[in-house]
Amino acid sequence: MANNPDILISLLCSETRGSVSAFKELAYIKRGIDAVEHLFRVAAGLDSQILGDYEIVGQIKQAAKFAKEKGFIGTFLERLVNVVLQSSKLIKSQTQLSGGTVSVSFAAVQFLRKNVVNPYKKKILLLGTGKIGRNTCKNLVDYLKTNNITLINRTEDKASELAHELGLEVASYNDLEHHLQEADIVIVATNAQQPVILKKDLVKYGEKIMIDLSIPHNIDPSVKELSHITLVNVDDLSRINDETLQKRAAEVPKARIIIAEHMKEFVEWYIMRKNVPVLKAVKQKLLDMHQSDLFLSVNSNPVIPFQNHNSETIQKVINNMAIRMRQQHQPGCNYIEAINDFISSSVN
């Protein structure tokens, strides 16, 4: 937090390669309640690049923890982050805003589940065990309940490590042609700059489903011309993701209601926090009155000492004052009412 956004912008740019001018051109600045609402929306996944993506929540937690350890997070920001995380958790548990998984690796599994009978019985060849290949492999095991998978990677150690972890087979890249022929389903998730599987490689083989998760394409698009081959690429899989995103979008109104409720709670806390100095001052005044030799004259009657008061009575008066301040927003009048409450309690 900063009173002037230029302070934060300069700090961020001093620790990165970006320039201040580029940052101001690409970023946006929010102040006050708009900034608070933005944090709620981001933590809920409403402003994520992919609707409903909760990965940012972990980053918020990590940033808040780091700031607190370094002494750079105050009461206001700590309270805000806590309420934001509560809201995010409730949205995740009570809505389907994060329902389904929006990724090409999961979409590939969804495609197989919808279009292949008993996919767990098919021989699957996974070419490429980088990040996407690894995620795809785990999804295949988890959702198709199959271990009938052979892994091939140019760096064989990576494939061997993953195969050992999941109980799968691993093969050498030099044996690609043999395993390509044997497989019913071939998934390619390599990072080559040109196709590694060509149309001519598949002409003599039987029916296969080929899934290309690579950008640029690592399976020659002309493979679609072969009648016995079903080729699916990232563009095709994105349509499956679109269906998931539509379902998520329908949950947005529910998420907004939860955010509104938590924002109201936070704003009420903030308003009361501004009244803390007044409440403390009144409490101290009542304590001073209680501990002094002050006496009151009520309707010219004999004086009545404040001997019946204690800290619990004073706190009760302060609590009532806080409630009235929150409801009526009249701190001056409530100050006088608190004094009257204190005085009248001595008579009763």
Protein backbone atom coordinates (compact mmCIF):
# COMPACT_ATOMS: atom_id res chain seq x y z
CA MET A 1 0.00 0.00 0.00
CA ALA A 2 1.14 3.53 -0.73
CA ASN A 3 -0.40 6.99 -0.74
CA ASN A 4 1.11 7.61 -4.15
CA PRO A 5 1.08 4.82 -6.78
CA ASP A 6 4.30 6.19 -8.28
CA ILE A 7 6.13 4.98 -5.18
CA LEU A 8 5.04 1.38 -5.75
CA ILE A 9 5.63 1.56 -9.49
CA SER A 10 9.17 2.84 -9.00
CA LEU A 11 9.88 0.14 -6.41
CA LEU A 12 8.60 -2.65 -8.66
CA CYS A 13 10.52 -1.41 -11.68
CA SER A 14 13.72 -1.00 -9.67
CA GLU A 15 13.69 -4.74 -8.94
CA THR A 16 12.74 -5.90 -12.45
CA ARG A 17 13.77 -5.30 -16.03
CA GLY A 18 10.66 -3.26 -16.85
CA SER A 19 10.66 0.50 -17.17
CA VAL A 20 8.31 2.89 -15.38
CA SER A 21 6.89 4.14 -18.68
CA ALA A 22 6.16 0.61 -19.91
CA PHE A 23 4.58 -0.32 -16.59
CA LYS A 24 2.25 2.69 -16.64
CA GLU A 25 1.27 1.94 -20.21
CA LEU A 26 0.36 -1.71 -19.54
CA ALA A 27 -0.86 -1.63 -15.94
CA TYR A 28 -3.86 -0.01 -14.28
CA ILE A 29 -4.16 1.81 -10.99
CA LYS A 30 -7.03 1.34 -8.53
CA ARG A 31 -7.67 3.33 -5.37
CA GLY A 32 -9.82 2.99 -2.28
CA ILE A 33 -12.81 0.69 -2.42
CA ASP A 34 -12.05 -0.14 -6.08
CA ALA A 35 -8.67 -1.53 -5.04
CA VAL A 36 -10.28 -3.55 -2.26
CA GLU A 37 -12.86 -5.01 -4.61
CA HIS A 38 -10.15 -5.84 -7.17
CA LEU A 39 -8.29 -7.93 -4.60
CA PHE A 40 -11.49 -9.82 -3.78
CA ARG A 41 -12.13 -10.48 -7.48
CA VAL A 42 -8.59 -11.64 -8.16
CA ALA A 43 -8.60 -14.04 -5.20
CA ALA A 44 -11.95 -15.42 -6.36
CA GLY A 45 -10.62 -16.11 -9.84
CA LEU A 46 -12.94 -13.56 -11.48
CA ASP A 47 -10.09 -11.47 -12.87
CA SER A 48 -7.72 -14.34 -13.62
CA GLN A 49 -6.54 -14.97 -17.17
CA ILE A 50 -8.62 -18.16 -16.98
CA LEU A 51 -11.94 -17.64 -15.21
CA GLY A 52 -11.98 -19.51 -11.91
CA ASP A 53 -8.22 -20.10 -11.74
CA TYR A 54 -7.21 -20.17 -8.07
CA GLU A 55 -3.46 -20.36 -8.52
CA ILE A 56 -3.22 -16.67 -7.64
CA VAL A 57 -4.52 -17.39 -4.12
CA GLY A 58 -1.29 -19.16 -3.24
CA GLN A 59 0.68 -16.18 -4.47
CA ILE A 60 -1.41 -13.81 -2.34
CA LYS A 61 -0.79 -15.95 0.75
CA GLN A 62 2.93 -16.12 0.04
CA ALA A 63 3.20 -12.36 -0.53
CA ALA A 64 1.27 -11.56 2.65
CA LYS A 65 3.39 -13.97 4.69
CA PHE A 66 6.62 -12.52 3.31
CA ALA A 67 5.47 -8.95 3.98
CA LYS A 68 4.46 -9.80 7.54
CA GLU A 69 7.78 -11.50 8.27
CA LYS A 70 9.57 -8.35 7.09
CA GLY A 71 7.30 -6.07 9.11
CA PHE A 72 5.68 -4.45 6.10
CA ILE A 73 2.05 -5.42 6.61
CA GLY A 74 -0.15 -3.49 8.99
CA THR A 75 -3.45 -4.18 10.71
CA PHE A 76 -5.52 -2.88 7.79
CA LEU A 77 -3.84 -4.96 5.09
CA GLU A 78 -3.61 -8.09 7.24
CA ARG A 79 -7.34 -7.90 7.99
CA LEU A 80 -8.12 -7.28 4.32
CA VAL A 81 -6.09 -10.29 3.16
CA ASN A 82 -7.72 -12.55 5.77
CA VAL A 83 -11.25 -11.53 4.72
CA VAL A 84 -10.32 -11.88 1.05
CA LEU A 85 -9.03 -15.42 1.65
CA GLN A 86 -12.19 -16.31 3.59
CA SER A 87 -14.29 -15.08 0.68
CA SER A 88 -12.18 -17.01 -1.83
CA LYS A 89 -12.46 -20.22 0.20
CA LEU A 90 -16.25 -19.88 0.47
CA ILE A 91 -16.60 -19.26 -3.27
CA LYS A 92 -14.56 -22.35 -4.01
CA SER A 93 -16.64 -24.54 -1.69
CA GLN A 94 -20.11 -23.15 -2.44
CA THR A 95 -19.95 -22.51 -6.19
CA GLN A 96 -18.70 -24.27 -9.32
CA LEU A 97 -16.62 -21.29 -10.40
CA SER A 98 -13.54 -23.52 -10.45
CA GLY A 99 -15.41 -26.61 -11.61
CA GLY A 100 -13.58 -28.73 -14.15
CA THR A 101 -9.99 -28.14 -15.14
CA VAL A 102 -9.22 -25.74 -17.94
CA SER A 103 -5.99 -26.99 -19.50
CA VAL A 104 -5.05 -28.76 -22.69
CA SER A 105 -3.80 -31.75 -20.71
CA PHE A 106 -7.14 -32.24 -18.95
CA ALA A 107 -9.10 -31.46 -22.13
CA ALA A 108 -7.20 -34.28 -23.86
CA VAL A 109 -8.35 -36.70 -21.19
CA GLN A 110 -11.91 -35.39 -21.47
CA PHE A 111 -11.80 -35.99 -25.21
CA LEU A 112 -10.71 -39.59 -24.71
CA ARG A 113 -13.37 -40.23 -22.08
CA LYS A 114 -16.09 -38.98 -24.42
CA ASN A 115 -14.88 -40.53 -27.66
CA VAL A 116 -13.14 -43.81 -26.79
CA VAL A 117 -14.87 -46.93 -25.47
CA ASN A 118 -12.95 -48.36 -22.50
CA PRO A 119 -9.92 -46.07 -22.98
CA TYR A 120 -8.15 -47.78 -20.08
CA LYS A 121 -7.81 -50.88 -22.29
CA LYS A 122 -6.02 -49.00 -25.07
CA LYS A 123 -2.27 -48.80 -25.54
CA ILE A 124 -1.20 -45.22 -25.04
CA LEU A 125 2.06 -43.69 -26.20
CA LEU A 126 3.04 -40.35 -24.67
CA LEU A 127 5.83 -38.56 -26.48
CA GLY A 128 7.35 -35.74 -24.42
CA THR A 129 7.53 -35.57 -20.62
CA GLY A 130 7.97 -31.85 -20.04
CA LYS A 131 5.48 -29.85 -17.97
CA ILE A 132 2.49 -30.44 -20.28
CA GLY A 133 3.41 -34.06 -20.90
CA ARG A 134 3.85 -34.71 -17.20
CA ASN A 135 0.47 -33.15 -16.32
CA THR A 136 -1.21 -35.07 -19.13
CA CYS A 137 0.33 -38.32 -17.94
CA LYS A 138 -0.92 -37.82 -14.39
CA ASN A 139 -4.40 -36.98 -15.68
CA LEU A 140 -4.42 -40.14 -17.78
CA VAL A 141 -3.55 -42.23 -14.74
CA ASP A 142 -5.97 -40.43 -12.40
CA TYR A 143 -9.01 -40.08 -14.65
CA LEU A 144 -8.74 -43.01 -17.07
CA LYS A 145 -7.50 -45.35 -14.33
CA THR A 146 -4.89 -46.80 -16.64
CA ASN A 147 -1.23 -47.71 -16.45
CA ASN A 148 -1.10 -48.99 -20.02
CA ILE A 149 1.11 -46.06 -20.98
CA THR A 150 4.56 -45.97 -22.55
CA LEU A 151 6.66 -42.84 -22.14
CA ILE A 152 9.25 -41.63 -24.63
CA ASN A 153 11.38 -38.51 -24.27
CA ARG A 154 14.55 -37.35 -26.00
CA THR A 155 16.10 -37.04 -22.54
CA GLU A 156 15.37 -40.52 -21.32
CA ASP A 157 16.11 -39.78 -17.65
CA LYS A 158 13.03 -37.52 -17.43
CA ALA A 159 10.80 -40.21 -18.85
CA SER A 160 12.31 -42.85 -16.58
CA GLU A 161 11.74 -40.71 -13.49
CA LEU A 162 8.07 -40.15 -14.32
CA ALA A 163 7.56 -43.78 -15.32
CA HIS A 164 9.00 -44.93 -12.00
CA GLU A 165 6.80 -42.50 -10.07
CA LEU A 166 3.57 -43.65 -11.75
CA GLY A 167 4.39 -47.29 -12.47
CA LEU A 168 4.52 -46.94 -16.27
CA GLU A 169 6.67 -48.24 -19.10
CA VAL A 170 9.48 -46.21 -20.64
CA ALA A 171 11.12 -46.65 -24.06
CA SER A 172 14.03 -45.16 -25.96
CA TYR A 173 13.44 -42.42 -28.51
CA ASN A 174 15.20 -44.65 -31.01
CA ASP A 175 12.30 -47.11 -30.72
CA LEU A 176 9.66 -44.48 -31.51
CA GLU A 177 8.64 -46.08 -34.81
CA HIS A 178 7.91 -49.45 -33.18
CA HIS A 179 5.82 -47.98 -30.35
CA LEU A 180 4.06 -45.62 -32.76
CA GLN A 181 2.89 -48.67 -34.69
CA GLU A 182 1.76 -50.55 -31.55
CA ALA A 183 -0.15 -47.72 -29.88
CA ASP A 184 -3.90 -47.12 -30.16
CA ILE A 185 -3.60 -43.58 -28.81
CA VAL A 186 -0.62 -41.29 -29.38
CA ILE A 187 -0.22 -38.07 -27.43
CA VAL A 188 2.54 -35.68 -28.44
CA ALA A 189 3.68 -32.96 -26.03
CA THR A 190 7.13 -32.07 -27.30
CA ASN A 191 8.70 -28.65 -27.84
CA ALA A 192 10.04 -29.15 -31.34
CA GLN A 193 9.82 -26.28 -33.80
CA GLN A 194 8.58 -28.58 -36.56
CA PRO A 195 6.51 -31.80 -36.74
CA VAL A 196 8.14 -34.92 -35.32
CA ILE A 197 5.42 -37.21 -36.71
CA LEU A 198 4.62 -36.90 -40.41
CA LYS A 199 1.79 -38.14 -42.60
CA LYS A 200 4.04 -40.69 -44.29
CA ASP A 201 4.89 -42.19 -40.89
CA LEU A 202 1.27 -43.25 -40.37
CA VAL A 203 0.12 -44.36 -43.81
CA LYS A 204 0.84 -48.04 -43.24
CA TYR A 205 -0.52 -48.24 -39.68
CA GLY A 206 -4.02 -49.10 -38.43
CA GLU A 207 -6.60 -46.84 -36.81
CA LYS A 208 -5.23 -44.45 -34.21
CA ILE A 209 -6.18 -41.38 -32.24
CA MET A 210 -3.45 -38.76 -32.41
CA ILE A 211 -3.50 -35.84 -29.95
CA ASP A 212 -1.11 -32.96 -30.53
CA LEU A 213 -0.65 -30.76 -27.45
CA SER A 214 2.27 -28.84 -28.93
CA ILE A 215 2.53 -25.29 -30.24
CA PRO A 216 3.67 -25.13 -32.99
CA HIS A 217 2.19 -28.41 -34.22
CA ASN A 218 4.44 -31.41 -33.66
CA ILE A 219 2.14 -33.71 -35.63
CA ASP A 220 1.87 -32.74 -39.28
CA PRO A 221 -1.67 -31.27 -39.75
CA SER A 222 -1.92 -33.12 -43.08
CA VAL A 223 -2.31 -36.32 -41.03
CA LYS A 224 -6.01 -35.39 -40.91
CA GLU A 225 -6.21 -36.42 -44.55
CA LEU A 226 -5.76 -40.06 -43.53
CA SER A 227 -9.17 -41.67 -43.06
CA HIS A 228 -7.93 -44.15 -40.46
CA ILE A 229 -6.37 -41.48 -38.26
CA THR A 230 -8.23 -39.14 -35.91
CA LEU A 231 -6.11 -36.07 -35.26
CA VAL A 232 -6.93 -33.62 -32.48
CA ASN A 233 -4.86 -30.53 -31.78
CA VAL A 234 -4.86 -27.65 -29.29
CA ASP A 235 -7.46 -25.71 -31.26
CA ASP A 236 -9.85 -28.65 -31.13
CA LEU A 237 -9.30 -29.13 -27.42
CA SER A 238 -9.92 -25.46 -26.71
CA ARG A 239 -13.57 -26.01 -27.59
CA ILE A 240 -13.84 -28.47 -24.72
CA ASN A 241 -12.38 -25.81 -22.46
CA ASP A 242 -14.94 -23.32 -23.80
CA GLU A 243 -17.74 -25.54 -22.51
CA THR A 244 -16.13 -25.62 -19.07
CA LEU A 245 -15.71 -21.85 -19.08
CA GLN A 246 -19.38 -21.37 -19.97
CA LYS A 247 -20.37 -23.43 -16.94
CA ARG A 248 -18.02 -21.37 -14.79
CA ALA A 249 -19.40 -18.11 -16.13
CA ALA A 250 -22.87 -19.13 -14.93
CA GLU A 251 -21.47 -19.22 -11.37
CA VAL A 252 -20.16 -15.64 -11.44
CA PRO A 253 -23.32 -14.06 -9.93
CA LYS A 254 -23.07 -16.39 -6.91
CA ALA A 255 -19.43 -15.43 -6.43
CA ARG A 256 -20.29 -11.73 -6.60
CA ILE A 257 -22.88 -12.12 -3.84
CA ILE A 258 -20.32 -13.78 -1.56
CA ILE A 259 -17.79 -11.05 -2.34
CA ALA A 260 -20.36 -8.32 -1.59
CA GLU A 261 -21.12 -9.87 1.80
CA HIS A 262 -17.45 -10.05 2.78
CA MET A 263 -16.74 -6.56 1.48
CA LYS A 264 -19.59 -5.21 3.62
CA GLU A 265 -18.11 -6.96 6.65
CA PHE A 266 -14.68 -5.48 5.92
CA VAL A 267 -16.02 -1.96 5.36
CA GLU A 268 -17.93 -2.09 8.66
CA TRP A 269 -14.75 -3.17 10.41
CA TYR A 270 -12.86 -0.33 8.75
CA ILE A 271 -15.44 2.26 9.79
CA MET A 272 -15.33 1.03 13.37
CA ARG A 273 -11.55 1.03 13.29
CA LYS A 274 -11.64 4.77 12.57
CA ASN A 275 -13.72 5.19 15.72
CA VAL A 276 -11.24 3.32 17.92
CA PRO A 277 -9.46 6.50 19.11
CA VAL A 278 -12.81 7.97 20.24
CA LEU A 279 -13.81 4.74 21.99
CA LYS A 280 -10.45 4.56 23.75
CA ALA A 281 -10.71 8.19 24.84
CA VAL A 282 -14.21 7.69 26.27
CA LYS A 283 -13.16 4.51 28.04
CA GLN A 284 -10.21 6.28 29.62
CA LYS A 285 -12.44 9.16 30.71
CA LEU A 286 -14.86 6.76 32.37
CA LEU A 287 -11.99 4.97 34.11
CA ASP A 288 -10.69 8.31 35.38
CA MET A 289 -14.14 9.20 36.69
CA HIS A 290 -14.46 5.80 38.34
CA GLN A 291 -11.11 6.09 40.09
CA SER A 292 -11.51 9.72 41.18
CA ASP A 293 -13.31 11.19 44.19
CA LEU A 294 -15.83 12.78 41.89
CA PHE A 295 -19.38 12.90 43.15
CA LEU A 296 -22.60 13.69 41.38
CA SER A 297 -25.56 15.69 42.54
CA VAL A 298 -28.77 14.31 41.10
CA ASN A 299 -31.81 16.61 41.37
CA SER A 300 -30.19 18.27 44.39
CA ASN A 301 -30.17 14.94 46.18
CA PRO A 302 -27.16 13.88 48.22
CA VAL A 303 -24.16 12.96 46.18
CA ILE A 304 -23.83 9.41 44.85
CA PRO A 305 -20.33 7.97 44.59
CA PHE A 306 -19.25 5.80 41.64
CA GLN A 307 -18.44 2.92 43.91
CA ASN A 308 -20.68 0.44 42.13
CA HIS A 309 -18.79 0.62 38.86
CA ASN A 310 -16.13 -1.80 37.67
CA SER A 311 -14.25 -2.52 34.45
CA GLU A 312 -17.04 -4.80 33.19
CA THR A 313 -19.60 -2.03 33.55
CA ILE A 314 -17.38 0.42 31.70
CA GLN A 315 -16.71 -2.07 28.90
CA LYS A 316 -20.44 -2.66 28.55
CA VAL A 317 -20.97 1.08 28.16
CA ILE A 318 -18.22 1.23 25.51
CA ASN A 319 -19.68 -1.75 23.63
CA ASN A 320 -23.09 -0.09 23.51
CA MET A 321 -21.46 3.10 22.30
CA ALA A 322 -19.65 1.19 19.55
CA ILE A 323 -22.93 -0.36 18.38
CA ARG A 324 -24.63 3.05 18.22
CA MET A 325 -21.68 4.55 16.36
CA ARG A 326 -21.83 1.76 13.79
CA GLN A 327 -25.58 2.13 13.32
CA GLN A 328 -25.99 5.90 13.54
CA HIS A 329 -22.57 7.30 12.61
CA GLN A 330 -22.86 10.08 15.22
CA PRO A 331 -19.71 9.83 17.36
CA GLY A 332 -20.27 13.14 19.16
CA CYS A 333 -23.78 12.31 20.29
CA ASN A 334 -22.72 8.81 21.31
CA TYR A 335 -19.95 10.28 23.45
CA ILE A 336 -22.54 12.16 25.48
CA GLU A 337 -24.81 9.10 25.62
CA ALA A 338 -21.95 7.01 26.96
CA ILE A 339 -21.37 9.47 29.80
CA ASN A 340 -25.10 9.45 30.57
CA ASP A 341 -25.17 5.63 30.54
CA PHE A 342 -22.30 5.58 32.97
CA ILE A 343 -23.93 8.10 35.28
CA SER A 344 -27.36 6.49 35.19
CA SER A 345 -25.92 3.06 36.00
CA SER A 346 -24.76 4.44 39.34
CA VAL A 347 -28.29 5.32 40.27
CA ASN A 348 -29.77 1.91 39.40
